[in-house]
Amino acid sequence: MMARRVVRTVLIAVGVAVGGTLIARRLGYNLGANTIVRCRQGHLFTTIWIPGIKLKEIDLVVARIQRCPVGQHWSLVVPVREQGLTEAERQSARREQAAATPNAADPVLPRGAQYAMRTRPAWLM
């Protein structure tokens, strides 16, 4: 009985993630390994953006809070439609990539994040 509920919950979560990705791609957002995003200060950079999978940010469904590698600050970031960017902006964004995983030594992590990263399971290290 409990196993069915777990399987159903996992299938619903996967369906929502896949559906969200397909809808976003239809709207012109290129989600995946090298997604171009913009922080609140206007900096462009690439990051991994797969709905439902988070390694280094706080997910807010259509936006995320993560570290901007351009301005070296934490910010709300959103995916950007590549069609709306100039070629120079696309090249600039591709030169700046967010770290694939969080860095526990980062002195500017939000409060509590350093403790959480020190106590994460060994399989995440």
PDB file of N, CA and C in Angstrom:
ATOM      1  N   MET A   1       0.825  -1.191   0.000  1.00  0.00           N
ATOM      2  CA  MET A   1       0.000   0.000   0.000  1.00  0.00           C
ATOM      3  C   MET A   1       0.878   1.267   0.000  1.00  0.00           C
ATOM      4  N   MET A   2       1.865   1.296   0.896  1.00  0.00           N
ATOM      5  CA  MET A   2       2.759   2.447   0.991  1.00  0.00           C
ATOM      6  C   MET A   2       3.617   2.550  -0.267  1.00  0.00           C
ATOM      7  N   ALA A   3       4.041   1.405  -0.809  1.00  0.00           N
ATOM      8  CA  ALA A   3       4.875   1.411  -2.019  1.00  0.00           C
ATOM      9  C   ALA A   3       4.110   2.011  -3.197  1.00  0.00           C
ATOM     10  N   ARG A   4       2.839   1.721  -3.311  1.00  0.00           N
ATOM     11  CA  ARG A   4       2.034   2.292  -4.396  1.00  0.00           C
ATOM     12  C   ARG A   4       1.964   3.811  -4.287  1.00  0.00           C
ATOM     13  N   ARG A   5       1.798   4.281  -3.075  1.00  0.00           N
ATOM     14  CA  ARG A   5       1.719   5.726  -2.856  1.00  0.00           C
ATOM     15  C   ARG A   5       3.050   6.402  -3.227  1.00  0.00           C
ATOM     16  N   VAL A   6       4.153   5.778  -2.865  1.00  0.00           N
ATOM     17  CA  VAL A   6       5.474   6.325  -3.189  1.00  0.00           C
ATOM     18  C   VAL A   6       5.683   6.331  -4.701  1.00  0.00           C
ATOM     19  N   VAL A   7       5.347   5.227  -5.351  1.00  0.00           N
ATOM     20  CA  VAL A   7       5.497   5.143  -6.808  1.00  0.00           C
ATOM     21  C   VAL A   7       4.617   6.191  -7.488  1.00  0.00           C
ATOM     22  N   ARG A   8       3.392   6.325  -7.026  1.00  0.00           N
ATOM     23  CA  ARG A   8       2.487   7.313  -7.620  1.00  0.00           C
ATOM     24  C   ARG A   8       3.024   8.732  -7.440  1.00  0.00           C
ATOM     25  N   THR A   9       3.542   9.042  -6.259  1.00  0.00           N
ATOM     26  CA  THR A   9       4.101  10.367  -5.995  1.00  0.00           C
ATOM     27  C   THR A   9       5.302  10.635  -6.894  1.00  0.00           C
ATOM     28  N   VAL A  10       6.173   9.648  -7.055  1.00  0.00           N
ATOM     29  CA  VAL A  10       7.349   9.801  -7.922  1.00  0.00           C
ATOM     30  C   VAL A  10       6.910  10.009  -9.368  1.00  0.00           C
ATOM     31  N   LEU A  11       5.954   9.235  -9.838  1.00  0.00           N
ATOM     32  CA  LEU A  11       5.470   9.385 -11.213  1.00  0.00           C
ATOM     33  C   LEU A  11       4.836  10.752 -11.449  1.00  0.00           C
ATOM     34  N   ILE A  12       4.106  11.252 -10.476  1.00  0.00           N
ATOM     35  CA  ILE A  12       3.506  12.581 -10.609  1.00  0.00           C
ATOM     36  C   ILE A  12       4.600  13.641 -10.663  1.00  0.00           C
ATOM     37  N   ALA A  13       5.602  13.531  -9.793  1.00  0.00           N
ATOM     38  CA  ALA A  13       6.700  14.504  -9.778  1.00  0.00           C
ATOM     39  C   ALA A  13       7.463  14.496 -11.097  1.00  0.00           C
ATOM     40  N   VAL A  14       7.742  13.310 -11.620  1.00  0.00           N
ATOM     41  CA  VAL A  14       8.445  13.200 -12.902  1.00  0.00           C
ATOM     42  C   VAL A  14       7.582  13.782 -14.018  1.00  0.00           C
ATOM     43  N   GLY A  15       6.298  13.491 -13.995  1.00  0.00           N
ATOM     44  CA  GLY A  15       5.390  14.028 -15.011  1.00  0.00           C
ATOM     45  C   GLY A  15       5.324  15.546 -14.987  1.00  0.00           C
ATOM     46  N   VAL A  16       5.290  16.123 -13.803  1.00  0.00           N
ATOM     47  CA  VAL A  16       5.260  17.587 -13.679  1.00  0.00           C
ATOM     48  C   VAL A  16       6.564  18.184 -14.193  1.00  0.00           C
ATOM     49  N   ALA A  17       7.705  17.574 -13.852  1.00  0.00           N
ATOM     50  CA  ALA A  17       9.006  18.085 -14.313  1.00  0.00           C
ATOM     51  C   ALA A  17       9.118  18.000 -15.829  1.00  0.00           C
ATOM     52  N   VAL A  18       8.730  16.868 -16.398  1.00  0.00           N
ATOM     53  CA  VAL A  18       8.801  16.708 -17.855  1.00  0.00           C
ATOM     54  C   VAL A  18       7.829  17.659 -18.546  1.00  0.00           C
ATOM     55  N   GLY A  19       6.611  17.751 -18.020  1.00  0.00           N
ATOM     56  CA  GLY A  19       5.625  18.659 -18.597  1.00  0.00           C
ATOM     57  C   GLY A  19       6.078  20.104 -18.534  1.00  0.00           C
ATOM     58  N   GLY A  20       6.641  20.513 -17.400  1.00  0.00           N
ATOM     59  CA  GLY A  20       7.149  21.872 -17.256  1.00  0.00           C
ATOM     60  C   GLY A  20       8.272  22.175 -18.226  1.00  0.00           C
ATOM     61  N   THR A  21       9.157  21.197 -18.420  1.00  0.00           N
ATOM     62  CA  THR A  21      10.272  21.366 -19.367  1.00  0.00           C
ATOM     63  C   THR A  21       9.752  21.504 -20.787  1.00  0.00           C
ATOM     64  N   LEU A  22       8.807  20.663 -21.169  1.00  0.00           N
ATOM     65  CA  LEU A  22       8.255  20.729 -22.525  1.00  0.00           C
ATOM     66  C   LEU A  22       7.539  22.055 -22.778  1.00  0.00           C
ATOM     67  N   ILE A  23       6.774  22.517 -21.802  1.00  0.00           N
ATOM     68  CA  ILE A  23       6.076  23.796 -21.952  1.00  0.00           C
ATOM     69  C   ILE A  23       7.088  24.936 -22.067  1.00  0.00           C
ATOM     70  N   ALA A  24       8.123  24.919 -21.221  1.00  0.00           N
ATOM     71  CA  ALA A  24       9.139  25.973 -21.261  1.00  0.00           C
ATOM     72  C   ALA A  24       9.858  25.989 -22.607  1.00  0.00           C
ATOM     73  N   ARG A  25      10.164  24.816 -23.140  1.00  0.00           N
ATOM     74  CA  ARG A  25      10.835  24.755 -24.448  1.00  0.00           C
ATOM     75  C   ARG A  25       9.931  25.294 -25.551  1.00  0.00           C
ATOM     76  N   ARG A  26       8.636  25.018 -25.462  1.00  0.00           N
ATOM     77  CA  ARG A  26       7.691  25.552 -26.456  1.00  0.00           C
ATOM     78  C   ARG A  26       7.609  27.069 -26.387  1.00  0.00           C
ATOM     79  N   LEU A  27       7.841  27.622 -25.198  1.00  0.00           N
ATOM     80  CA  LEU A  27       7.803  29.067 -25.015  1.00  0.00           C
ATOM     81  C   LEU A  27       9.132  29.743 -25.376  1.00  0.00           C
ATOM     82  N   GLY A  28      10.127  28.945 -25.779  1.00  0.00           N
ATOM     83  CA  GLY A  28      11.397  29.516 -26.233  1.00  0.00           C
ATOM     84  C   GLY A  28      12.527  29.486 -25.227  1.00  0.00           C
ATOM     85  N   TYR A  29      12.326  28.812 -24.092  1.00  0.00           N
ATOM     86  CA  TYR A  29      13.395  28.711 -23.099  1.00  0.00           C
ATOM     87  C   TYR A  29      14.162  27.423 -23.330  1.00  0.00           C
ATOM     88  N   ASN A  30      15.492  27.508 -23.367  1.00  0.00           N
ATOM     89  CA  ASN A  30      16.336  26.350 -23.609  1.00  0.00           C
ATOM     90  C   ASN A  30      16.826  25.802 -22.274  1.00  0.00           C
ATOM     91  N   LEU A  31      15.999  24.980 -21.617  1.00  0.00           N
ATOM     92  CA  LEU A  31      16.359  24.434 -20.320  1.00  0.00           C
ATOM     93  C   LEU A  31      17.267  23.230 -20.492  1.00  0.00           C
ATOM     94  N   GLY A  32      18.154  23.030 -19.526  1.00  0.00           N
ATOM     95  CA  GLY A  32      19.078  21.903 -19.569  1.00  0.00           C
ATOM     96  C   GLY A  32      20.424  22.281 -18.996  1.00  0.00           C
ATOM     97  N   ALA A  33      21.486  21.725 -19.575  1.00  0.00           N
ATOM     98  CA  ALA A  33      22.830  21.871 -19.023  1.00  0.00           C
ATOM     99  C   ALA A  33      23.413  23.272 -19.190  1.00  0.00           C
ATOM    100  N   ASN A  34      23.134  23.964 -20.262  1.00  0.00           N
ATOM    101  CA  ASN A  34      23.728  25.284 -20.499  1.00  0.00           C
ATOM    102  C   ASN A  34      22.652  26.344 -20.723  1.00  0.00           C
ATOM    103  N   THR A  35      21.799  26.495 -19.751  1.00  0.00           N
ATOM    104  CA  THR A  35      20.712  27.458 -19.842  1.00  0.00           C
ATOM    105  C   THR A  35      21.228  28.860 -19.520  1.00  0.00           C
ATOM    106  N   ILE A  36      20.923  29.819 -20.373  1.00  0.00           N
ATOM    107  CA  ILE A  36      21.314  31.200 -20.104  1.00  0.00           C
ATOM    108  C   ILE A  36      20.288  31.813 -19.160  1.00  0.00           C
ATOM    109  N   VAL A  37      20.798  32.390 -18.060  1.00  0.00           N
ATOM    110  CA  VAL A  37      19.939  33.020 -17.058  1.00  0.00           C
ATOM    111  C   VAL A  37      20.417  34.446 -16.804  1.00  0.00           C
ATOM    112  N   ARG A  38      19.522  35.256 -16.205  1.00  0.00           N
ATOM    113  CA  ARG A  38      19.851  36.646 -15.861  1.00  0.00           C
ATOM    114  C   ARG A  38      19.556  36.847 -14.379  1.00  0.00           C
ATOM    115  N   CYS A  39      20.506  37.472 -13.677  1.00  0.00           N
ATOM    116  CA  CYS A  39      20.279  37.783 -12.272  1.00  0.00           C
ATOM    117  C   CYS A  39      19.548  39.124 -12.169  1.00  0.00           C
ATOM    118  N   ARG A  40      19.165  39.513 -10.968  1.00  0.00           N
ATOM    119  CA  ARG A  40      18.409  40.750 -10.763  1.00  0.00           C
ATOM    120  C   ARG A  40      19.213  41.996 -11.101  1.00  0.00           C
ATOM    121  N   GLN A  41      20.550  41.882 -11.130  1.00  0.00           N
ATOM    122  CA  GLN A  41      21.382  43.026 -11.497  1.00  0.00           C
ATOM    123  C   GLN A  41      21.655  43.074 -12.994  1.00  0.00           C
ATOM    124  N   GLY A  42      21.098  42.111 -13.747  1.00  0.00           N
ATOM    125  CA  GLY A  42      21.221  42.126 -15.196  1.00  0.00           C
ATOM    126  C   GLY A  42      22.362  41.313 -15.763  1.00  0.00           C
ATOM    127  N   HIS A  43      23.143  40.640 -14.900  1.00  0.00           N
ATOM    128  CA  HIS A  43      24.249  39.827 -15.394  1.00  0.00           C
ATOM    129  C   HIS A  43      23.726  38.576 -16.085  1.00  0.00           C
ATOM    130  N   LEU A  44      24.348  38.194 -17.178  1.00  0.00           N
ATOM    131  CA  LEU A  44      23.994  36.964 -17.903  1.00  0.00           C
ATOM    132  C   LEU A  44      25.065  35.913 -17.669  1.00  0.00           C
ATOM    133  N   PHE A  45      24.633  34.662 -17.433  1.00  0.00           N
ATOM    134  CA  PHE A  45      25.560  33.543 -17.299  1.00  0.00           C
ATOM    135  C   PHE A  45      24.798  32.257 -17.562  1.00  0.00           C
ATOM    136  N   THR A  46      25.524  31.161 -17.696  1.00  0.00           N
ATOM    137  CA  THR A  46      24.868  29.874 -17.932  1.00  0.00           C
ATOM    138  C   THR A  46      24.892  29.045 -16.656  1.00  0.00           C
ATOM    139  N   THR A  47      23.905  28.185 -16.536  1.00  0.00           N
ATOM    140  CA  THR A  47      23.797  27.300 -15.387  1.00  0.00           C
ATOM    141  C   THR A  47      23.039  26.047 -15.803  1.00  0.00           C
ATOM    142  N   ILE A  48      23.009  25.064 -14.934  1.00  0.00           N
ATOM    143  CA  ILE A  48      22.194  23.867 -15.165  1.00  0.00           C
ATOM    144  C   ILE A  48      20.787  24.191 -14.680  1.00  0.00           C
ATOM    145  N   TRP A  49      19.795  24.049 -15.555  1.00  0.00           N
ATOM    146  CA  TRP A  49      18.401  24.344 -15.174  1.00  0.00           C
ATOM    147  C   TRP A  49      17.525  23.184 -15.611  1.00  0.00           C
ATOM    148  N   ILE A  50      17.311  22.250 -14.707  1.00  0.00           N
ATOM    149  CA  ILE A  50      16.433  21.113 -14.958  1.00  0.00           C
ATOM    150  C   ILE A  50      15.335  21.169 -13.903  1.00  0.00           C
ATOM    151  N   PRO A  51      14.088  21.400 -14.301  1.00  0.00           N
ATOM    152  CA  PRO A  51      13.007  21.503 -13.315  1.00  0.00           C
ATOM    153  C   PRO A  51      12.949  20.273 -12.414  1.00  0.00           C
ATOM    154  N   GLY A  52      12.850  20.504 -11.125  1.00  0.00           N
ATOM    155  CA  GLY A  52      12.736  19.420 -10.167  1.00  0.00           C
ATOM    156  C   GLY A  52      14.057  18.902  -9.638  1.00  0.00           C
ATOM    157  N   ILE A  53      15.189  19.330 -10.198  1.00  0.00           N
ATOM    158  CA  ILE A  53      16.499  18.858  -9.750  1.00  0.00           C
ATOM    159  C   ILE A  53      17.315  20.059  -9.309  1.00  0.00           C
ATOM    160  N   LYS A  54      17.695  20.095  -8.038  1.00  0.00           N
ATOM    161  CA  LYS A  54      18.441  21.214  -7.499  1.00  0.00           C
ATOM    162  C   LYS A  54      19.675  20.721  -6.770  1.00  0.00           C
ATOM    163  N   LEU A  55      20.834  21.259  -7.106  1.00  0.00           N
ATOM    164  CA  LEU A  55      22.065  20.925  -6.401  1.00  0.00           C
ATOM    165  C   LEU A  55      22.636  22.126  -5.664  1.00  0.00           C
ATOM    166  N   LYS A  56      22.374  23.312  -6.174  1.00  0.00           N
ATOM    167  CA  LYS A  56      23.088  24.477  -5.663  1.00  0.00           C
ATOM    168  C   LYS A  56      22.231  25.722  -5.503  1.00  0.00           C
ATOM    169  N   GLU A  57      20.940  25.589  -5.548  1.00  0.00           N
ATOM    170  CA  GLU A  57      20.094  26.765  -5.482  1.00  0.00           C
ATOM    171  C   GLU A  57      18.774  26.455  -4.796  1.00  0.00           C
ATOM    172  N   ILE A  58      18.033  27.496  -4.506  1.00  0.00           N
ATOM    173  CA  ILE A  58      16.690  27.370  -3.941  1.00  0.00           C
ATOM    174  C   ILE A  58      15.719  27.597  -5.090  1.00  0.00           C
ATOM    175  N   ASP A  59      14.878  26.608  -5.358  1.00  0.00           N
ATOM    176  CA  ASP A  59      13.983  26.671  -6.508  1.00  0.00           C
ATOM    177  C   ASP A  59      12.674  27.353  -6.144  1.00  0.00           C
ATOM    178  N   LEU A  60      12.269  28.303  -6.976  1.00  0.00           N
ATOM    179  CA  LEU A  60      10.996  29.016  -6.796  1.00  0.00           C
ATOM    180  C   LEU A  60      10.112  28.803  -8.019  1.00  0.00           C
ATOM    181  N   VAL A  61      10.176  27.639  -8.628  1.00  0.00           N
ATOM    182  CA  VAL A  61       9.433  27.186  -9.795  1.00  0.00           C
ATOM    183  C   VAL A  61       9.892  27.894 -11.070  1.00  0.00           C
ATOM    184  N   VAL A  62       9.635  29.188 -11.236  1.00  0.00           N
ATOM    185  CA  VAL A  62      10.034  29.894 -12.459  1.00  0.00           C
ATOM    186  C   VAL A  62      11.292  30.730 -12.259  1.00  0.00           C
ATOM    187  N   ALA A  63      11.805  30.777 -11.038  1.00  0.00           N
ATOM    188  CA  ALA A  63      13.024  31.513 -10.732  1.00  0.00           C
ATOM    189  C   ALA A  63      13.785  30.731  -9.657  1.00  0.00           C
ATOM    190  N   ARG A  64      15.042  31.080  -9.476  1.00  0.00           N
ATOM    191  CA  ARG A  64      15.851  30.428  -8.450  1.00  0.00           C
ATOM    192  C   ARG A  64      16.730  31.451  -7.765  1.00  0.00           C
ATOM    193  N   ILE A  65      17.058  31.160  -6.526  1.00  0.00           N
ATOM    194  CA  ILE A  65      18.043  31.968  -5.822  1.00  0.00           C
ATOM    195  C   ILE A  65      19.349  31.195  -5.911  1.00  0.00           C
ATOM    196  N   GLN A  66      20.351  31.799  -6.534  1.00  0.00           N
ATOM    197  CA  GLN A  66      21.646  31.154  -6.645  1.00  0.00           C
ATOM    198  C   GLN A  66      22.742  32.193  -6.780  1.00  0.00           C
ATOM    199  N   ARG A  67      23.955  31.760  -6.687  1.00  0.00           N
ATOM    200  CA  ARG A  67      25.112  32.657  -6.746  1.00  0.00           C
ATOM    201  C   ARG A  67      25.391  33.073  -8.182  1.00  0.00           C
ATOM    202  N   CYS A  68      25.539  34.375  -8.399  1.00  0.00           N
ATOM    203  CA  CYS A  68      25.880  34.917  -9.713  1.00  0.00           C
ATOM    204  C   CYS A  68      27.396  34.942  -9.832  1.00  0.00           C
ATOM    205  N   PRO A  69      27.969  34.199 -10.804  1.00  0.00           N
ATOM    206  CA  PRO A  69      29.427  34.183 -10.940  1.00  0.00           C
ATOM    207  C   PRO A  69      29.985  35.470 -11.537  1.00  0.00           C
ATOM    208  N   VAL A  70      29.150  36.286 -12.147  1.00  0.00           N
ATOM    209  CA  VAL A  70      29.614  37.542 -12.752  1.00  0.00           C
ATOM    210  C   VAL A  70      29.800  38.606 -11.673  1.00  0.00           C
ATOM    211  N   GLY A  71      28.761  38.838 -10.880  1.00  0.00           N
ATOM    212  CA  GLY A  71      28.800  39.869  -9.848  1.00  0.00           C
ATOM    213  C   GLY A  71      29.227  39.367  -8.484  1.00  0.00           C
ATOM    214  N   GLN A  72      29.456  38.057  -8.350  1.00  0.00           N
ATOM    215  CA  GLN A  72      29.876  37.444  -7.085  1.00  0.00           C
ATOM    216  C   GLN A  72      28.891  37.771  -5.956  1.00  0.00           C
ATOM    217  N   HIS A  73      27.595  37.559  -6.220  1.00  0.00           N
ATOM    218  CA  HIS A  73      26.562  37.836  -5.220  1.00  0.00           C
ATOM    219  C   HIS A  73      25.451  36.796  -5.362  1.00  0.00           C
ATOM    220  N   TRP A  74      24.630  36.661  -4.307  1.00  0.00           N
ATOM    221  CA  TRP A  74      23.459  35.797  -4.363  1.00  0.00           C
ATOM    222  C   TRP A  74      22.306  36.610  -4.917  1.00  0.00           C
ATOM    223  N   SER A  75      21.533  36.003  -5.831  1.00  0.00           N
ATOM    224  CA  SER A  75      20.466  36.759  -6.474  1.00  0.00           C
ATOM    225  C   SER A  75      19.371  35.825  -6.976  1.00  0.00           C
ATOM    226  N   LEU A  76      18.225  36.410  -7.239  1.00  0.00           N
ATOM    227  CA  LEU A  76      17.147  35.713  -7.919  1.00  0.00           C
ATOM    228  C   LEU A  76      17.515  35.660  -9.403  1.00  0.00           C
ATOM    229  N   VAL A  77      17.513  34.475 -10.003  1.00  0.00           N
ATOM    230  CA  VAL A  77      17.843  34.344 -11.420  1.00  0.00           C
ATOM    231  C   VAL A  77      16.673  33.698 -12.155  1.00  0.00           C
ATOM    232  N   VAL A  78      16.517  34.070 -13.408  1.00  0.00           N
ATOM    233  CA  VAL A  78      15.455  33.525 -14.252  1.00  0.00           C
ATOM    234  C   VAL A  78      16.036  33.141 -15.604  1.00  0.00           C
ATOM    235  N   PRO A  79      15.489  32.102 -16.252  1.00  0.00           N
ATOM    236  CA  PRO A  79      15.965  31.754 -17.592  1.00  0.00           C
ATOM    237  C   PRO A  79      15.608  32.851 -18.589  1.00  0.00           C
ATOM    238  N   VAL A  80      16.414  32.959 -19.635  1.00  0.00           N
ATOM    239  CA  VAL A  80      16.238  33.986 -20.652  1.00  0.00           C
ATOM    240  C   VAL A  80      16.015  33.304 -21.992  1.00  0.00           C
ATOM    241  N   ARG A  81      15.107  33.831 -22.787  1.00  0.00           N
ATOM    242  CA  ARG A  81      14.916  33.328 -24.149  1.00  0.00           C
ATOM    243  C   ARG A  81      16.113  33.762 -24.986  1.00  0.00           C
ATOM    244  N   GLU A  82      16.791  32.791 -25.581  1.00  0.00           N
ATOM    245  CA  GLU A  82      17.980  33.111 -26.369  1.00  0.00           C
ATOM    246  C   GLU A  82      17.646  33.949 -27.599  1.00  0.00           C
ATOM    247  N   GLN A  83      16.438  33.826 -28.123  1.00  0.00           N
ATOM    248  CA  GLN A  83      16.054  34.608 -29.302  1.00  0.00           C
ATOM    249  C   GLN A  83      16.042  36.104 -29.000  1.00  0.00           C
ATOM    250  N   GLY A  84      15.845  36.470 -27.741  1.00  0.00           N
ATOM    251  CA  GLY A  84      15.788  37.871 -27.363  1.00  0.00           C
ATOM    252  C   GLY A  84      17.152  38.490 -27.073  1.00  0.00           C
ATOM    253  N   LEU A  85      18.224  37.699 -27.210  1.00  0.00           N
ATOM    254  CA  LEU A  85      19.568  38.189 -26.925  1.00  0.00           C
ATOM    255  C   LEU A  85      20.341  38.426 -28.212  1.00  0.00           C
ATOM    256  N   THR A  86      21.273  39.364 -28.162  1.00  0.00           N
ATOM    257  CA  THR A  86      22.168  39.564 -29.305  1.00  0.00           C
ATOM    258  C   THR A  86      23.235  38.469 -29.269  1.00  0.00           C
ATOM    259  N   GLU A  87      23.941  38.294 -30.348  1.00  0.00           N
ATOM    260  CA  GLU A  87      25.002  37.288 -30.400  1.00  0.00           C
ATOM    261  C   GLU A  87      26.084  37.601 -29.368  1.00  0.00           C
ATOM    262  N   ALA A  88      26.403  38.878 -29.187  1.00  0.00           N
ATOM    263  CA  ALA A  88      27.412  39.271 -28.191  1.00  0.00           C
ATOM    264  C   ALA A  88      26.959  38.903 -26.776  1.00  0.00           C
ATOM    265  N   GLU A  89      25.673  39.094 -26.477  1.00  0.00           N
ATOM    266  CA  GLU A  89      25.150  38.733 -25.153  1.00  0.00           C
ATOM    267  C   GLU A  89      25.199  37.225 -24.940  1.00  0.00           C
ATOM    268  N   ARG A  90      24.861  36.449 -25.976  1.00  0.00           N
ATOM    269  CA  ARG A  90      24.922  34.988 -25.868  1.00  0.00           C
ATOM    270  C   ARG A  90      26.352  34.527 -25.614  1.00  0.00           C
ATOM    271  N   GLN A  91      27.317  35.088 -26.328  1.00  0.00           N
ATOM    272  CA  GLN A  91      28.718  34.698 -26.138  1.00  0.00           C
ATOM    273  C   GLN A  91      29.212  35.091 -24.749  1.00  0.00           C
ATOM    274  N   SER A  92      28.830  36.269 -24.296  1.00  0.00           N
ATOM    275  CA  SER A  92      29.220  36.725 -22.963  1.00  0.00           C
ATOM    276  C   SER A  92      28.652  35.797 -21.888  1.00  0.00           C
ATOM    277  N   ALA A  93      27.402  35.410 -22.034  1.00  0.00           N
ATOM    278  CA  ALA A  93      26.757  34.517 -21.057  1.00  0.00           C
ATOM    279  C   ALA A  93      27.429  33.150 -21.044  1.00  0.00           C
ATOM    280  N   ARG A  94      27.831  32.659 -22.196  1.00  0.00           N
ATOM    281  CA  ARG A  94      28.462  31.332 -22.260  1.00  0.00           C
ATOM    282  C   ARG A  94      29.869  31.337 -21.659  1.00  0.00           C
ATOM    283  N   ARG A  95      30.503  32.501 -21.597  1.00  0.00           N
ATOM    284  CA  ARG A  95      31.829  32.588 -20.967  1.00  0.00           C
ATOM    285  C   ARG A  95      31.729  32.498 -19.450  1.00  0.00           C
ATOM    286  N   GLU A  96      30.602  32.893 -18.896  1.00  0.00           N
ATOM    287  CA  GLU A  96      30.401  32.883 -17.443  1.00  0.00           C
ATOM    288  C   GLU A  96      29.500  31.716 -17.067  1.00  0.00           C
ATOM    289  N   GLN A  97      30.067  30.729 -16.375  1.00  0.00           N
ATOM    290  CA  GLN A  97      29.281  29.558 -15.986  1.00  0.00           C
ATOM    291  C   GLN A  97      29.218  29.454 -14.473  1.00  0.00           C
ATOM    292  N   ALA A  98      28.035  29.153 -13.979  1.00  0.00           N
ATOM    293  CA  ALA A  98      27.872  28.921 -12.547  1.00  0.00           C
ATOM    294  C   ALA A  98      28.521  27.593 -12.202  1.00  0.00           C
ATOM    295  N   ALA A  99      28.983  27.468 -10.975  1.00  0.00           N
ATOM    296  CA  ALA A  99      29.593  26.216 -10.519  1.00  0.00           C
ATOM    297  C   ALA A  99      28.564  25.097 -10.576  1.00  0.00           C
ATOM    298  N   ALA A 100      29.021  23.901 -10.921  1.00  0.00           N
ATOM    299  CA  ALA A 100      28.105  22.764 -11.040  1.00  0.00           C
ATOM    300  C   ALA A 100      27.565  22.329  -9.686  1.00  0.00           C
ATOM    301  N   THR A 101      28.346  22.509  -8.633  1.00  0.00           N
ATOM    302  CA  THR A 101      27.911  22.157  -7.281  1.00  0.00           C
ATOM    303  C   THR A 101      28.289  23.286  -6.334  1.00  0.00           C
ATOM    304  N   PRO A 102      27.614  23.377  -5.188  1.00  0.00           N
ATOM    305  CA  PRO A 102      27.940  24.447  -4.250  1.00  0.00           C
ATOM    306  C   PRO A 102      29.320  24.273  -3.649  1.00  0.00           C
ATOM    307  N   ASN A 103      29.921  25.373  -3.225  1.00  0.00           N
ATOM    308  CA  ASN A 103      31.244  25.367  -2.632  1.00  0.00           C
ATOM    309  C   ASN A 103      31.109  25.719  -1.157  1.00  0.00           C
ATOM    310  N   ALA A 104      31.402  24.772  -0.279  1.00  0.00           N
ATOM    311  CA  ALA A 104      31.243  24.986   1.159  1.00  0.00           C
ATOM    312  C   ALA A 104      32.189  26.054   1.686  1.00  0.00           C
ATOM    313  N   ALA A 105      33.293  26.316   0.989  1.00  0.00           N
ATOM    314  CA  ALA A 105      34.256  27.316   1.445  1.00  0.00           C
ATOM    315  C   ALA A 105      33.849  28.725   1.058  1.00  0.00           C
ATOM    316  N   ASP A 106      32.782  28.881   0.299  1.00  0.00           N
ATOM    317  CA  ASP A 106      32.337  30.199  -0.150  1.00  0.00           C
ATOM    318  C   ASP A 106      31.950  31.035   1.064  1.00  0.00           C
ATOM    319  N   PRO A 107      32.638  32.164   1.313  1.00  0.00           N
ATOM    320  CA  PRO A 107      32.360  32.944   2.517  1.00  0.00           C
ATOM    321  C   PRO A 107      31.063  33.748   2.444  1.00  0.00           C
ATOM    322  N   VAL A 108      30.421  33.787   1.289  1.00  0.00           N
ATOM    323  CA  VAL A 108      29.252  34.642   1.134  1.00  0.00           C
ATOM    324  C   VAL A 108      27.967  33.822   1.050  1.00  0.00           C
ATOM    325  N   LEU A 109      27.996  32.576   1.509  1.00  0.00           N
ATOM    326  CA  LEU A 109      26.789  31.757   1.480  1.00  0.00           C
ATOM    327  C   LEU A 109      25.734  32.336   2.417  1.00  0.00           C
ATOM    328  N   PRO A 110      24.444  32.174   2.078  1.00  0.00           N
ATOM    329  CA  PRO A 110      23.385  32.646   2.976  1.00  0.00           C
ATOM    330  C   PRO A 110      23.494  31.971   4.343  1.00  0.00           C
ATOM    331  N   ARG A 111      22.958  32.630   5.363  1.00  0.00           N
ATOM    332  CA  ARG A 111      23.019  32.116   6.724  1.00  0.00           C
ATOM    333  C   ARG A 111      22.470  30.691   6.795  1.00  0.00           C
ATOM    334  N   GLY A 112      23.175  29.814   7.449  1.00  0.00           N
ATOM    335  CA  GLY A 112      22.746  28.433   7.616  1.00  0.00           C
ATOM    336  C   GLY A 112      23.207  27.514   6.500  1.00  0.00           C
ATOM    337  N   ALA A 113      23.557  28.043   5.342  1.00  0.00           N
ATOM    338  CA  ALA A 113      23.945  27.201   4.213  1.00  0.00           C
ATOM    339  C   ALA A 113      25.285  26.533   4.463  1.00  0.00           C
ATOM    340  N   GLN A 114      26.235  27.235   5.126  1.00  0.00           N
ATOM    341  CA  GLN A 114      27.533  26.627   5.391  1.00  0.00           C
ATOM    342  C   GLN A 114      27.373  25.414   6.298  1.00  0.00           C
ATOM    343  N   TYR A 115      26.534  25.529   7.348  1.00  0.00           N
ATOM    344  CA  TYR A 115      26.288  24.391   8.226  1.00  0.00           C
ATOM    345  C   TYR A 115      25.640  23.247   7.460  1.00  0.00           C
ATOM    346  N   ALA A 116      24.651  23.564   6.633  1.00  0.00           N
ATOM    347  CA  ALA A 116      23.949  22.531   5.867  1.00  0.00           C
ATOM    348  C   ALA A 116      24.902  21.807   4.935  1.00  0.00           C
ATOM    349  N   MET A 117      25.855  22.528   4.356  1.00  0.00           N
ATOM    350  CA  MET A 117      26.777  21.901   3.423  1.00  0.00           C
ATOM    351  C   MET A 117      27.816  21.051   4.155  1.00  0.00           C
ATOM    352  N   ARG A 118      28.174  21.438   5.390  1.00  0.00           N
ATOM    353  CA  ARG A 118      29.125  20.625   6.156  1.00  0.00           C
ATOM    354  C   ARG A 118      28.470  19.332   6.604  1.00  0.00           C
ATOM    355  N   THR A 119      27.156  19.318   6.754  1.00  0.00           N
ATOM    356  CA  THR A 119      26.466  18.150   7.292  1.00  0.00           C
ATOM    357  C   THR A 119      25.776  17.325   6.222  1.00  0.00           C
ATOM    358  N   ARG A 120      26.012  17.616   4.951  1.00  0.00           N
ATOM    359  CA  ARG A 120      25.343  16.846   3.902  1.00  0.00           C
ATOM    360  C   ARG A 120      25.901  15.411   3.867  1.00  0.00           C
ATOM    361  N   PRO A 121      25.124  14.461   3.371  1.00  0.00           N
ATOM    362  CA  PRO A 121      25.563  13.068   3.337  1.00  0.00           C
ATOM    363  C   PRO A 121      26.834  12.882   2.517  1.00  0.00           C
ATOM    364  N   ALA A 122      27.611  11.861   2.869  1.00  0.00           N
ATOM    365  CA  ALA A 122      28.876  11.609   2.180  1.00  0.00           C
ATOM    366  C   ALA A 122      28.690  11.346   0.696  1.00  0.00           C
ATOM    367  N   TRP A 123      27.574  10.758   0.292  1.00  0.00           N
ATOM    368  CA  TRP A 123      27.372  10.453  -1.132  1.00  0.00           C
ATOM    369  C   TRP A 123      27.189  11.711  -1.970  1.00  0.00           C
ATOM    370  N   LEU A 124      26.940  12.868  -1.337  1.00  0.00           N
ATOM    371  CA  LEU A 124      26.849  14.125  -2.065  1.00  0.00           C
ATOM    372  C   LEU A 124      28.191  14.828  -2.172  1.00  0.00           C
ATOM    373  N   MET A 125      29.170  14.386  -1.420  1.00  0.00           N
ATOM    374  CA  MET A 125      30.487  15.035  -1.415  1.00  0.00           C
ATOM    375  C   MET A 125      31.229  14.790  -2.705  1.00  0.00           C
TER     376      MET A 125
END
